Amino acid sequence: MNYLEWEPIYKEILKDFGFNREENDRSARILCDTIKDRSVSLDELEKIIRGEDVLVCGDAPTLREDLRSIELFDFKIIAADGATSTILREGVFPDVIVTDLDGTIGDIIYANRMGSIIVVLGHGDNIEMVKKVVPNLSRLLGTTHGAPFDQIYNFGGFTDGDRAVFLADALGARQITLLGFDFEDATASERKRKKLRWAKRLIDGLL
C-alpha cells in the first residue's frame, strides 16, 4: 500500500486508540539506529515471498489444530508475533516473523538464529523492547506505522496479523492463506476486540 493511501487510515487509528504519533515516530528512529548493518535488503525478503503460496499465521487458540490440518511445506510461512511459539512447537520454523516484540522473545530470537527473518515494528509503546531485544537479532527489517524513511518501511496494516498479510501482498505472494485468525474472540479484552475489528476491516479491504 502506498503511504499516501495508508496515512488517512493511520490517522483514524491514532484517533480511535489515542496513540501518540510523535512517540511512534521516535520509536521508528530508535529502531533504525539500532538495526544498523543487520538489516536484510527488501530484495532478499521479496525473493522469499514473490510468486509463492504464503501461509499467514495469527495467534488464535485454534492455530495448533489448524496447523495440523494443512501441509505446511507447501507454503512459505509468515508468523504474526505470538504465533511463532505455536509454530515452533510443531517442529517448523517460520520463514518470516512479523512482530512488535510482545510475543515470547526467547522463541523469536531462537527462530531468528535458525534462519527466520524478523520484521520488527517500532511504535510508542515498545521503545524499551526495541532497545533491549533488537541488538540480539540479525537478518531483520524495520517497519513503522508512520511515514517510511531510510531502512524503515511501511507496507500497511496495524496489528501483527494484518501487517503480515499486507507484507505478503506487497511483496508479491501468489496466494495468501490465513490460519489462526479469530476476529470474533469473545474471550479477548475490549481493547483487543477493537484491534481485531480493525484487523478484519483492513484484511477484508485488501484481499
N, C-alpha and C. Protein backbone atom coordinates (compact mmCIF):
# COMPACT_ATOMS: atom_id res chain seq x y z
N MET A 1 0.84 -1.19 0.00
CA MET A 1 0.00 0.00 0.00
C MET A 1 0.88 1.25 0.00
N ASN A 2 0.56 2.16 -0.89
CA ASN A 2 1.24 3.44 -0.93
C ASN A 2 0.96 4.21 0.36
N TYR A 3 2.01 4.88 0.90
CA TYR A 3 1.82 5.55 2.18
C TYR A 3 0.75 6.64 2.11
N LEU A 4 0.64 7.32 0.98
CA LEU A 4 -0.39 8.35 0.86
C LEU A 4 -1.78 7.75 0.98
N GLU A 5 -1.94 6.48 0.57
CA GLU A 5 -3.21 5.79 0.75
C GLU A 5 -3.39 5.33 2.20
N TRP A 6 -2.28 4.97 2.84
CA TRP A 6 -2.32 4.46 4.19
C TRP A 6 -2.54 5.56 5.23
N GLU A 7 -1.99 6.73 5.02
CA GLU A 7 -1.97 7.75 6.07
C GLU A 7 -3.36 8.12 6.59
N PRO A 8 -4.39 8.28 5.76
CA PRO A 8 -5.71 8.59 6.32
C PRO A 8 -6.22 7.49 7.27
N ILE A 9 -5.91 6.22 6.94
CA ILE A 9 -6.30 5.11 7.81
C ILE A 9 -5.51 5.19 9.11
N TYR A 10 -4.22 5.48 9.00
CA TYR A 10 -3.36 5.61 10.17
C TYR A 10 -3.89 6.70 11.11
N LYS A 11 -4.27 7.84 10.55
CA LYS A 11 -4.80 8.93 11.37
C LYS A 11 -6.08 8.50 12.09
N GLU A 12 -6.90 7.70 11.42
CA GLU A 12 -8.13 7.21 12.04
C GLU A 12 -7.81 6.27 13.20
N ILE A 13 -6.80 5.42 13.02
CA ILE A 13 -6.37 4.51 14.08
C ILE A 13 -5.82 5.29 15.27
N LEU A 14 -4.98 6.27 14.99
CA LEU A 14 -4.42 7.11 16.06
C LEU A 14 -5.54 7.73 16.89
N LYS A 15 -6.54 8.25 16.23
CA LYS A 15 -7.66 8.89 16.93
C LYS A 15 -8.47 7.87 17.71
N ASP A 16 -8.71 6.70 17.12
CA ASP A 16 -9.55 5.69 17.75
C ASP A 16 -8.92 5.16 19.04
N PHE A 17 -7.58 5.01 19.04
CA PHE A 17 -6.90 4.43 20.20
C PHE A 17 -6.20 5.47 21.08
N GLY A 18 -6.12 6.70 20.61
CA GLY A 18 -5.43 7.71 21.38
C GLY A 18 -3.92 7.55 21.38
N PHE A 19 -3.38 6.94 20.33
CA PHE A 19 -1.94 6.75 20.25
C PHE A 19 -1.23 8.07 19.97
N ASN A 20 0.04 8.12 20.38
CA ASN A 20 0.85 9.31 20.20
C ASN A 20 1.71 9.15 18.95
N ARG A 21 1.41 9.93 17.93
CA ARG A 21 2.13 9.81 16.66
C ARG A 21 3.61 10.13 16.83
N GLU A 22 3.93 11.13 17.63
CA GLU A 22 5.33 11.52 17.81
C GLU A 22 6.13 10.40 18.46
N GLU A 23 5.52 9.70 19.42
CA GLU A 23 6.22 8.59 20.07
C GLU A 23 6.40 7.42 19.09
N ASN A 24 5.43 7.19 18.23
CA ASN A 24 5.60 6.16 17.19
C ASN A 24 6.79 6.50 16.30
N ASP A 25 6.88 7.77 15.92
CA ASP A 25 7.98 8.20 15.06
C ASP A 25 9.32 8.08 15.80
N ARG A 26 9.32 8.41 17.08
CA ARG A 26 10.56 8.31 17.85
C ARG A 26 11.02 6.85 17.95
N SER A 27 10.08 5.94 18.16
CA SER A 27 10.43 4.52 18.22
C SER A 27 11.01 4.05 16.90
N ALA A 28 10.43 4.52 15.80
CA ALA A 28 10.93 4.12 14.48
C ALA A 28 12.36 4.61 14.27
N ARG A 29 12.66 5.82 14.73
CA ARG A 29 14.02 6.34 14.58
C ARG A 29 15.01 5.54 15.44
N ILE A 30 14.59 5.18 16.65
CA ILE A 30 15.45 4.37 17.51
C ILE A 30 15.67 3.00 16.87
N LEU A 31 14.60 2.43 16.31
CA LEU A 31 14.72 1.14 15.63
C LEU A 31 15.72 1.23 14.48
N CYS A 32 15.63 2.27 13.70
CA CYS A 32 16.54 2.47 12.57
C CYS A 32 17.99 2.53 13.05
N ASP A 33 18.23 3.28 14.11
CA ASP A 33 19.58 3.41 14.64
C ASP A 33 20.09 2.09 15.22
N THR A 34 19.18 1.30 15.78
CA THR A 34 19.57 0.06 16.45
C THR A 34 19.85 -1.06 15.46
N ILE A 35 19.11 -1.09 14.37
CA ILE A 35 19.31 -2.15 13.37
C ILE A 35 20.69 -2.04 12.73
N LYS A 36 21.07 -0.83 12.37
CA LYS A 36 22.37 -0.58 11.74
C LYS A 36 22.59 -1.49 10.54
N ASP A 37 23.67 -2.28 10.53
CA ASP A 37 24.01 -3.07 9.35
C ASP A 37 23.46 -4.49 9.41
N ARG A 38 22.51 -4.75 10.29
CA ARG A 38 21.94 -6.11 10.39
C ARG A 38 20.62 -6.23 9.63
N SER A 39 20.24 -5.18 8.94
CA SER A 39 19.00 -5.21 8.16
C SER A 39 19.18 -6.04 6.90
N VAL A 40 18.17 -6.84 6.57
CA VAL A 40 18.17 -7.54 5.29
C VAL A 40 17.68 -6.56 4.23
N SER A 41 18.00 -6.84 2.99
CA SER A 41 17.50 -5.99 1.91
C SER A 41 16.07 -6.38 1.59
N LEU A 42 15.33 -5.42 1.07
CA LEU A 42 13.96 -5.71 0.65
C LEU A 42 13.96 -6.76 -0.46
N ASP A 43 14.98 -6.75 -1.31
CA ASP A 43 15.08 -7.74 -2.38
C ASP A 43 15.19 -9.15 -1.82
N GLU A 44 15.96 -9.30 -0.75
CA GLU A 44 16.13 -10.63 -0.15
C GLU A 44 14.80 -11.14 0.41
N LEU A 45 14.06 -10.27 1.07
CA LEU A 45 12.77 -10.67 1.61
C LEU A 45 11.78 -10.97 0.50
N GLU A 46 11.81 -10.16 -0.55
CA GLU A 46 10.89 -10.35 -1.66
C GLU A 46 11.14 -11.68 -2.37
N LYS A 47 12.40 -12.11 -2.45
CA LYS A 47 12.71 -13.39 -3.09
C LYS A 47 12.06 -14.56 -2.38
N ILE A 48 11.83 -14.42 -1.08
CA ILE A 48 11.18 -15.48 -0.32
C ILE A 48 9.69 -15.54 -0.63
N ILE A 49 9.08 -14.39 -0.85
CA ILE A 49 7.62 -14.28 -0.92
C ILE A 49 7.06 -14.28 -2.33
N ARG A 50 7.73 -13.58 -3.25
CA ARG A 50 7.14 -13.35 -4.58
C ARG A 50 6.83 -14.65 -5.30
N GLY A 51 5.59 -14.75 -5.77
CA GLY A 51 5.16 -15.89 -6.55
C GLY A 51 4.87 -17.13 -5.73
N GLU A 52 4.95 -17.04 -4.42
CA GLU A 52 4.76 -18.21 -3.56
C GLU A 52 3.37 -18.21 -2.92
N ASP A 53 2.92 -19.40 -2.55
CA ASP A 53 1.73 -19.53 -1.71
C ASP A 53 2.18 -19.27 -0.27
N VAL A 54 1.57 -18.30 0.36
CA VAL A 54 2.02 -17.85 1.68
C VAL A 54 0.95 -18.14 2.72
N LEU A 55 1.39 -18.72 3.82
CA LEU A 55 0.53 -19.00 4.96
C LEU A 55 0.82 -17.96 6.03
N VAL A 56 -0.16 -17.15 6.36
CA VAL A 56 -0.01 -16.15 7.42
C VAL A 56 -0.71 -16.68 8.67
N CYS A 57 0.05 -16.82 9.74
CA CYS A 57 -0.45 -17.45 10.96
C CYS A 57 -0.66 -16.42 12.06
N GLY A 58 -1.91 -16.29 12.51
CA GLY A 58 -2.22 -15.49 13.68
C GLY A 58 -2.13 -16.34 14.93
N ASP A 59 -2.34 -15.72 16.07
CA ASP A 59 -2.10 -16.39 17.35
C ASP A 59 -3.39 -16.80 18.05
N ALA A 60 -4.44 -17.07 17.29
CA ALA A 60 -5.68 -17.53 17.92
C ALA A 60 -5.49 -18.92 18.53
N PRO A 61 -6.30 -19.28 19.53
CA PRO A 61 -6.17 -20.61 20.16
C PRO A 61 -6.33 -21.78 19.21
N THR A 62 -6.96 -21.55 18.07
CA THR A 62 -7.17 -22.63 17.09
C THR A 62 -5.93 -22.93 16.26
N LEU A 63 -4.88 -22.13 16.40
CA LEU A 63 -3.75 -22.24 15.47
C LEU A 63 -3.13 -23.64 15.47
N ARG A 64 -2.92 -24.22 16.65
CA ARG A 64 -2.26 -25.53 16.70
C ARG A 64 -3.04 -26.57 15.89
N GLU A 65 -4.35 -26.60 16.09
CA GLU A 65 -5.18 -27.54 15.35
C GLU A 65 -5.19 -27.21 13.87
N ASP A 66 -5.25 -25.92 13.56
CA ASP A 66 -5.25 -25.51 12.15
C ASP A 66 -3.97 -25.94 11.45
N LEU A 67 -2.83 -25.81 12.12
CA LEU A 67 -1.55 -26.18 11.52
C LEU A 67 -1.50 -27.67 11.17
N ARG A 68 -2.16 -28.48 11.98
CA ARG A 68 -2.13 -29.92 11.76
C ARG A 68 -3.10 -30.36 10.67
N SER A 69 -3.89 -29.41 10.15
CA SER A 69 -4.86 -29.74 9.11
C SER A 69 -4.34 -29.40 7.72
N ILE A 70 -3.10 -28.95 7.63
CA ILE A 70 -2.59 -28.44 6.36
C ILE A 70 -1.16 -28.92 6.14
N GLU A 71 -0.76 -29.06 4.88
CA GLU A 71 0.61 -29.47 4.56
C GLU A 71 1.49 -28.22 4.57
N LEU A 72 2.20 -28.02 5.66
CA LEU A 72 2.93 -26.78 5.87
C LEU A 72 4.03 -26.56 4.85
N PHE A 73 4.61 -27.62 4.37
CA PHE A 73 5.76 -27.48 3.47
C PHE A 73 5.35 -27.05 2.06
N ASP A 74 4.04 -26.89 1.84
CA ASP A 74 3.56 -26.35 0.57
C ASP A 74 3.58 -24.82 0.56
N PHE A 75 3.93 -24.22 1.70
CA PHE A 75 3.80 -22.77 1.87
C PHE A 75 5.10 -22.14 2.37
N LYS A 76 5.24 -20.86 2.07
CA LYS A 76 6.12 -20.01 2.84
C LYS A 76 5.30 -19.53 4.04
N ILE A 77 5.89 -19.51 5.21
CA ILE A 77 5.14 -19.24 6.43
C ILE A 77 5.55 -17.90 7.03
N ILE A 78 4.56 -17.05 7.26
CA ILE A 78 4.77 -15.81 7.99
C ILE A 78 4.02 -15.92 9.31
N ALA A 79 4.74 -15.79 10.41
CA ALA A 79 4.13 -15.85 11.74
C ALA A 79 3.89 -14.45 12.25
N ALA A 80 2.71 -14.22 12.80
CA ALA A 80 2.42 -12.96 13.46
C ALA A 80 2.78 -13.11 14.94
N ASP A 81 3.93 -12.58 15.31
CA ASP A 81 4.37 -12.46 16.69
C ASP A 81 4.18 -13.74 17.51
N GLY A 82 3.17 -13.78 18.39
CA GLY A 82 3.00 -14.90 19.30
C GLY A 82 2.75 -16.23 18.62
N ALA A 83 2.32 -16.22 17.35
CA ALA A 83 2.13 -17.47 16.62
C ALA A 83 3.44 -18.22 16.45
N THR A 84 4.54 -17.51 16.56
CA THR A 84 5.86 -18.14 16.42
C THR A 84 6.01 -19.32 17.36
N SER A 85 5.62 -19.16 18.60
CA SER A 85 5.81 -20.21 19.60
C SER A 85 5.03 -21.47 19.24
N THR A 86 3.80 -21.31 18.79
CA THR A 86 2.98 -22.47 18.39
C THR A 86 3.58 -23.16 17.19
N ILE A 87 4.05 -22.40 16.22
CA ILE A 87 4.66 -22.98 15.01
C ILE A 87 5.92 -23.75 15.38
N LEU A 88 6.73 -23.20 16.26
CA LEU A 88 7.95 -23.90 16.68
C LEU A 88 7.62 -25.22 17.36
N ARG A 89 6.57 -25.24 18.15
CA ARG A 89 6.18 -26.49 18.84
C ARG A 89 5.75 -27.56 17.86
N GLU A 90 5.39 -27.16 16.66
CA GLU A 90 5.04 -28.14 15.61
C GLU A 90 6.27 -28.56 14.81
N GLY A 91 7.43 -28.10 15.22
CA GLY A 91 8.67 -28.52 14.56
C GLY A 91 8.98 -27.80 13.28
N VAL A 92 8.42 -26.62 13.10
CA VAL A 92 8.59 -25.85 11.86
C VAL A 92 9.11 -24.46 12.22
N PHE A 93 9.98 -23.92 11.37
CA PHE A 93 10.46 -22.56 11.55
C PHE A 93 9.78 -21.64 10.55
N PRO A 94 9.19 -20.53 11.01
CA PRO A 94 8.61 -19.57 10.06
C PRO A 94 9.70 -19.00 9.16
N ASP A 95 9.33 -18.71 7.93
CA ASP A 95 10.26 -18.01 7.05
C ASP A 95 10.42 -16.56 7.49
N VAL A 96 9.33 -15.97 7.96
CA VAL A 96 9.30 -14.57 8.37
C VAL A 96 8.46 -14.45 9.63
N ILE A 97 8.89 -13.59 10.54
CA ILE A 97 8.10 -13.28 11.74
C ILE A 97 7.83 -11.78 11.75
N VAL A 98 6.56 -11.40 11.85
CA VAL A 98 6.16 -10.01 11.93
C VAL A 98 5.81 -9.72 13.39
N THR A 99 6.50 -8.78 14.02
CA THR A 99 6.36 -8.62 15.46
C THR A 99 6.54 -7.18 15.92
N ASP A 100 5.83 -6.85 17.00
CA ASP A 100 6.12 -5.61 17.72
C ASP A 100 6.75 -5.94 19.07
N LEU A 101 7.26 -7.17 19.17
CA LEU A 101 8.08 -7.60 20.31
C LEU A 101 7.28 -7.79 21.60
N ASP A 102 6.01 -8.20 21.48
CA ASP A 102 5.29 -8.55 22.70
C ASP A 102 4.92 -10.02 22.75
N GLY A 103 5.51 -10.82 21.85
CA GLY A 103 5.37 -12.27 21.92
C GLY A 103 6.42 -12.85 22.86
N THR A 104 6.64 -14.16 22.76
CA THR A 104 7.67 -14.81 23.57
C THR A 104 9.03 -14.53 22.92
N ILE A 105 9.78 -13.62 23.52
CA ILE A 105 11.00 -13.11 22.88
C ILE A 105 12.04 -14.22 22.70
N GLY A 106 12.15 -15.13 23.66
CA GLY A 106 13.10 -16.22 23.52
C GLY A 106 12.84 -17.05 22.28
N ASP A 107 11.57 -17.30 21.96
CA ASP A 107 11.22 -18.08 20.77
C ASP A 107 11.52 -17.30 19.50
N ILE A 108 11.28 -16.00 19.53
CA ILE A 108 11.56 -15.16 18.36
C ILE A 108 13.06 -15.13 18.09
N ILE A 109 13.85 -14.96 19.13
CA ILE A 109 15.31 -14.94 18.97
C ILE A 109 15.81 -16.30 18.47
N TYR A 110 15.26 -17.37 19.02
CA TYR A 110 15.66 -18.72 18.59
C TYR A 110 15.35 -18.95 17.11
N ALA A 111 14.12 -18.59 16.71
CA ALA A 111 13.74 -18.77 15.30
C ALA A 111 14.64 -17.94 14.40
N ASN A 112 14.96 -16.73 14.84
CA ASN A 112 15.85 -15.87 14.07
C ASN A 112 17.22 -16.50 13.89
N ARG A 113 17.74 -17.10 14.93
CA ARG A 113 19.05 -17.75 14.85
C ARG A 113 19.02 -18.99 13.96
N MET A 114 17.82 -19.54 13.79
CA MET A 114 17.66 -20.69 12.91
C MET A 114 17.28 -20.28 11.49
N GLY A 115 17.21 -18.98 11.23
CA GLY A 115 17.02 -18.51 9.85
C GLY A 115 15.81 -17.67 9.56
N SER A 116 14.89 -17.52 10.51
CA SER A 116 13.70 -16.69 10.26
C SER A 116 14.09 -15.22 10.17
N ILE A 117 13.56 -14.54 9.16
CA ILE A 117 13.74 -13.09 9.06
C ILE A 117 12.71 -12.42 9.96
N ILE A 118 13.15 -11.43 10.73
CA ILE A 118 12.26 -10.75 11.66
C ILE A 118 11.90 -9.38 11.09
N VAL A 119 10.62 -9.11 10.96
CA VAL A 119 10.12 -7.81 10.52
C VAL A 119 9.56 -7.10 11.76
N VAL A 120 10.31 -6.14 12.26
CA VAL A 120 10.03 -5.51 13.56
C VAL A 120 9.32 -4.17 13.36
N LEU A 121 8.29 -3.95 14.17
CA LEU A 121 7.61 -2.66 14.19
C LEU A 121 8.09 -1.84 15.38
N GLY A 122 8.43 -0.59 15.13
CA GLY A 122 8.68 0.34 16.22
C GLY A 122 7.45 1.20 16.45
N HIS A 123 6.92 1.21 17.68
CA HIS A 123 5.80 2.10 18.00
C HIS A 123 5.99 2.65 19.40
N GLY A 124 5.14 3.57 19.78
CA GLY A 124 5.37 4.31 21.01
C GLY A 124 5.39 3.50 22.28
N ASP A 125 4.75 2.32 22.26
CA ASP A 125 4.67 1.50 23.47
C ASP A 125 5.78 0.45 23.57
N ASN A 126 6.64 0.37 22.57
CA ASN A 126 7.67 -0.70 22.66
C ASN A 126 9.10 -0.18 22.54
N ILE A 127 9.30 1.08 22.85
CA ILE A 127 10.63 1.68 22.70
C ILE A 127 11.67 0.92 23.53
N GLU A 128 11.35 0.60 24.77
CA GLU A 128 12.32 -0.10 25.61
C GLU A 128 12.60 -1.50 25.10
N MET A 129 11.58 -2.17 24.55
CA MET A 129 11.79 -3.50 23.98
C MET A 129 12.65 -3.43 22.72
N VAL A 130 12.46 -2.38 21.92
CA VAL A 130 13.32 -2.19 20.75
C VAL A 130 14.77 -2.08 21.18
N LYS A 131 15.02 -1.27 22.20
CA LYS A 131 16.39 -1.09 22.69
C LYS A 131 16.97 -2.39 23.25
N LYS A 132 16.13 -3.17 23.91
CA LYS A 132 16.60 -4.37 24.60
C LYS A 132 16.74 -5.58 23.68
N VAL A 133 15.77 -5.78 22.78
CA VAL A 133 15.70 -7.02 22.00
C VAL A 133 16.41 -6.93 20.66
N VAL A 134 16.23 -5.82 19.95
CA VAL A 134 16.75 -5.73 18.59
C VAL A 134 18.25 -5.99 18.49
N PRO A 135 19.09 -5.56 19.48
CA PRO A 135 20.51 -5.89 19.39
C PRO A 135 20.81 -7.38 19.41
N ASN A 136 19.83 -8.21 19.83
CA ASN A 136 20.02 -9.65 19.86
C ASN A 136 19.53 -10.35 18.59
N LEU A 137 19.08 -9.57 17.62
CA LEU A 137 18.54 -10.12 16.39
C LEU A 137 19.47 -9.82 15.22
N SER A 138 19.39 -10.68 14.21
CA SER A 138 20.09 -10.44 12.94
C SER A 138 19.09 -10.70 11.82
N ARG A 139 19.45 -10.33 10.61
CA ARG A 139 18.56 -10.54 9.46
C ARG A 139 17.15 -10.04 9.78
N LEU A 140 17.04 -8.75 9.97
CA LEU A 140 15.75 -8.17 10.30
C LEU A 140 15.47 -6.96 9.42
N LEU A 141 14.20 -6.60 9.40
CA LEU A 141 13.74 -5.45 8.63
C LEU A 141 12.90 -4.59 9.56
N GLY A 142 13.12 -3.28 9.55
CA GLY A 142 12.39 -2.37 10.42
C GLY A 142 11.18 -1.79 9.73
N THR A 143 10.09 -1.63 10.49
CA THR A 143 8.86 -1.05 9.95
C THR A 143 8.27 -0.05 10.93
N THR A 144 7.38 0.77 10.40
CA THR A 144 6.70 1.79 11.19
C THR A 144 5.26 1.91 10.74
N HIS A 145 4.39 2.43 11.62
CA HIS A 145 3.03 2.78 11.20
C HIS A 145 3.02 4.12 10.47
N GLY A 146 4.07 4.90 10.65
CA GLY A 146 4.13 6.22 10.07
C GLY A 146 4.83 6.25 8.72
N ALA A 147 5.34 7.41 8.37
CA ALA A 147 5.99 7.58 7.07
C ALA A 147 7.30 6.79 7.02
N PRO A 148 7.53 6.02 5.97
CA PRO A 148 8.78 5.27 5.85
C PRO A 148 9.96 6.20 5.61
N PHE A 149 11.15 5.76 6.01
CA PHE A 149 12.35 6.56 5.81
C PHE A 149 13.56 5.63 5.91
N ASP A 150 14.66 6.03 5.29
CA ASP A 150 15.91 5.25 5.35
C ASP A 150 15.62 3.77 5.14
N GLN A 151 15.98 2.92 6.12
CA GLN A 151 15.74 1.48 6.00
C GLN A 151 14.53 1.03 6.84
N ILE A 152 13.61 1.96 7.10
CA ILE A 152 12.38 1.67 7.82
C ILE A 152 11.21 1.74 6.83
N TYR A 153 10.44 0.66 6.75
CA TYR A 153 9.39 0.52 5.74
C TYR A 153 8.00 0.59 6.36
N ASN A 154 7.02 0.82 5.51
CA ASN A 154 5.62 0.72 5.91
C ASN A 154 4.87 0.05 4.77
N PHE A 155 4.45 -1.20 5.00
CA PHE A 155 3.73 -1.96 3.99
C PHE A 155 2.22 -1.84 4.18
N GLY A 156 1.80 -1.14 5.23
CA GLY A 156 0.39 -1.06 5.58
C GLY A 156 0.06 -2.05 6.69
N GLY A 157 -1.11 -1.87 7.28
CA GLY A 157 -1.55 -2.76 8.34
C GLY A 157 -1.29 -2.18 9.72
N PHE A 158 -2.01 -2.73 10.70
CA PHE A 158 -1.99 -2.19 12.06
C PHE A 158 -1.48 -3.24 13.06
N THR A 159 -2.22 -4.31 13.29
CA THR A 159 -1.79 -5.34 14.22
C THR A 159 -0.77 -6.26 13.55
N ASP A 160 -0.11 -7.09 14.36
CA ASP A 160 0.88 -8.01 13.79
C ASP A 160 0.27 -8.87 12.68
N GLY A 161 -0.96 -9.36 12.91
CA GLY A 161 -1.58 -10.25 11.93
C GLY A 161 -1.87 -9.58 10.61
N ASP A 162 -2.51 -8.42 10.65
CA ASP A 162 -2.83 -7.80 9.36
C ASP A 162 -1.61 -7.18 8.72
N ARG A 163 -0.61 -6.75 9.52
CA ARG A 163 0.64 -6.29 8.90
C ARG A 163 1.32 -7.43 8.16
N ALA A 164 1.22 -8.65 8.68
CA ALA A 164 1.80 -9.80 7.99
C ALA A 164 1.11 -10.04 6.65
N VAL A 165 -0.20 -9.85 6.62
CA VAL A 165 -0.95 -10.02 5.37
C VAL A 165 -0.56 -8.93 4.38
N PHE A 166 -0.47 -7.69 4.84
CA PHE A 166 -0.07 -6.60 3.96
C PHE A 166 1.34 -6.81 3.42
N LEU A 167 2.22 -7.32 4.26
CA LEU A 167 3.59 -7.61 3.83
C LEU A 167 3.59 -8.64 2.71
N ALA A 168 2.87 -9.73 2.90
CA ALA A 168 2.81 -10.78 1.88
C ALA A 168 2.26 -10.24 0.57
N ASP A 169 1.24 -9.42 0.65
CA ASP A 169 0.64 -8.85 -0.55
C ASP A 169 1.62 -7.90 -1.24
N ALA A 170 2.26 -7.03 -0.46
CA ALA A 170 3.18 -6.04 -1.03
C ALA A 170 4.37 -6.69 -1.72
N LEU A 171 4.79 -7.84 -1.22
CA LEU A 171 5.97 -8.50 -1.77
C LEU A 171 5.62 -9.56 -2.81
N GLY A 172 4.36 -9.58 -3.24
CA GLY A 172 4.00 -10.37 -4.41
C GLY A 172 3.65 -11.81 -4.19
N ALA A 173 3.09 -12.15 -3.03
CA ALA A 173 2.64 -13.53 -2.80
C ALA A 173 1.62 -13.92 -3.86
N ARG A 174 1.71 -15.17 -4.34
CA ARG A 174 0.75 -15.64 -5.33
C ARG A 174 -0.62 -15.81 -4.71
N GLN A 175 -0.64 -16.39 -3.52
CA GLN A 175 -1.88 -16.62 -2.79
C GLN A 175 -1.59 -16.52 -1.30
N ILE A 176 -2.53 -15.95 -0.56
CA ILE A 176 -2.36 -15.78 0.88
C ILE A 176 -3.46 -16.56 1.60
N THR A 177 -3.05 -17.48 2.47
CA THR A 177 -3.98 -18.27 3.28
C THR A 177 -3.81 -17.88 4.75
N LEU A 178 -4.91 -17.65 5.44
CA LEU A 178 -4.87 -17.28 6.84
C LEU A 178 -5.16 -18.48 7.73
N LEU A 179 -4.35 -18.65 8.77
CA LEU A 179 -4.61 -19.64 9.81
C LEU A 179 -4.49 -18.95 11.16
N GLY A 180 -5.28 -19.41 12.13
CA GLY A 180 -5.14 -18.89 13.48
C GLY A 180 -5.62 -17.45 13.62
N PHE A 181 -6.62 -17.07 12.86
CA PHE A 181 -7.22 -15.75 12.99
C PHE A 181 -8.65 -15.92 13.52
N ASP A 182 -8.95 -15.28 14.64
CA ASP A 182 -10.30 -15.30 15.21
C ASP A 182 -10.70 -13.86 15.48
N PHE A 183 -11.39 -13.28 14.52
CA PHE A 183 -11.76 -11.87 14.63
C PHE A 183 -12.91 -11.64 15.61
N GLU A 184 -13.54 -12.73 16.08
CA GLU A 184 -14.69 -12.62 16.98
C GLU A 184 -14.38 -13.23 18.34
N ASP A 185 -13.14 -13.17 18.78
CA ASP A 185 -12.71 -13.79 20.02
C ASP A 185 -13.43 -13.15 21.22
N ALA A 186 -14.41 -13.87 21.76
CA ALA A 186 -15.21 -13.33 22.86
C ALA A 186 -14.44 -13.27 24.17
N THR A 187 -13.31 -13.99 24.25
CA THR A 187 -12.53 -14.01 25.49
C THR A 187 -11.56 -12.83 25.57
N ALA A 188 -11.39 -12.11 24.48
CA ALA A 188 -10.42 -11.01 24.45
C ALA A 188 -10.95 -9.79 25.21
N SER A 189 -10.03 -8.95 25.66
CA SER A 189 -10.40 -7.69 26.29
C SER A 189 -11.06 -6.78 25.26
N GLU A 190 -11.74 -5.74 25.74
CA GLU A 190 -12.39 -4.81 24.82
C GLU A 190 -11.37 -4.15 23.89
N ARG A 191 -10.20 -3.80 24.43
CA ARG A 191 -9.16 -3.19 23.61
C ARG A 191 -8.68 -4.16 22.54
N LYS A 192 -8.51 -5.42 22.92
CA LYS A 192 -8.09 -6.43 21.95
C LYS A 192 -9.17 -6.66 20.90
N ARG A 193 -10.44 -6.67 21.33
CA ARG A 193 -11.51 -6.85 20.35
C ARG A 193 -11.55 -5.69 19.36
N LYS A 194 -11.25 -4.49 19.85
CA LYS A 194 -11.20 -3.34 18.95
C LYS A 194 -10.08 -3.53 17.91
N LYS A 195 -8.94 -4.02 18.36
CA LYS A 195 -7.83 -4.28 17.44
C LYS A 195 -8.22 -5.36 16.42
N LEU A 196 -8.95 -6.38 16.89
CA LEU A 196 -9.38 -7.44 15.97
C LEU A 196 -10.35 -6.91 14.93
N ARG A 197 -11.22 -5.98 15.34
CA ARG A 197 -12.14 -5.38 14.37
C ARG A 197 -11.37 -4.60 13.31
N TRP A 198 -10.33 -3.88 13.75
CA TRP A 198 -9.50 -3.16 12.80
C TRP A 198 -8.78 -4.13 11.87
N ALA A 199 -8.25 -5.20 12.44
CA ALA A 199 -7.53 -6.19 11.62
C ALA A 199 -8.45 -6.75 10.54
N LYS A 200 -9.67 -7.11 10.93
CA LYS A 200 -10.62 -7.67 9.96
C LYS A 200 -10.96 -6.65 8.89
N ARG A 201 -11.19 -5.43 9.30
CA ARG A 201 -11.53 -4.38 8.32
C ARG A 201 -10.40 -4.21 7.32
N LEU A 202 -9.16 -4.17 7.81
CA LEU A 202 -8.03 -3.93 6.92
C LEU A 202 -7.79 -5.13 5.98
N ILE A 203 -7.87 -6.34 6.53
CA ILE A 203 -7.66 -7.52 5.69
C ILE A 203 -8.77 -7.66 4.66
N ASP A 204 -10.02 -7.44 5.09
CA ASP A 204 -11.14 -7.53 4.14
C ASP A 204 -10.98 -6.52 3.01
N GLY A 205 -10.41 -5.36 3.33
CA GLY A 205 -10.22 -4.34 2.31
C GLY A 205 -9.09 -4.64 1.35
N LEU A 206 -8.22 -5.56 1.77
CA LEU A 206 -7.06 -5.87 0.95
C LEU A 206 -7.26 -7.12 0.08
N LEU A 207 -7.83 -8.17 0.68
CA LEU A 207 -7.94 -9.46 -0.02
C LEU A 207 -9.24 -9.58 -0.79
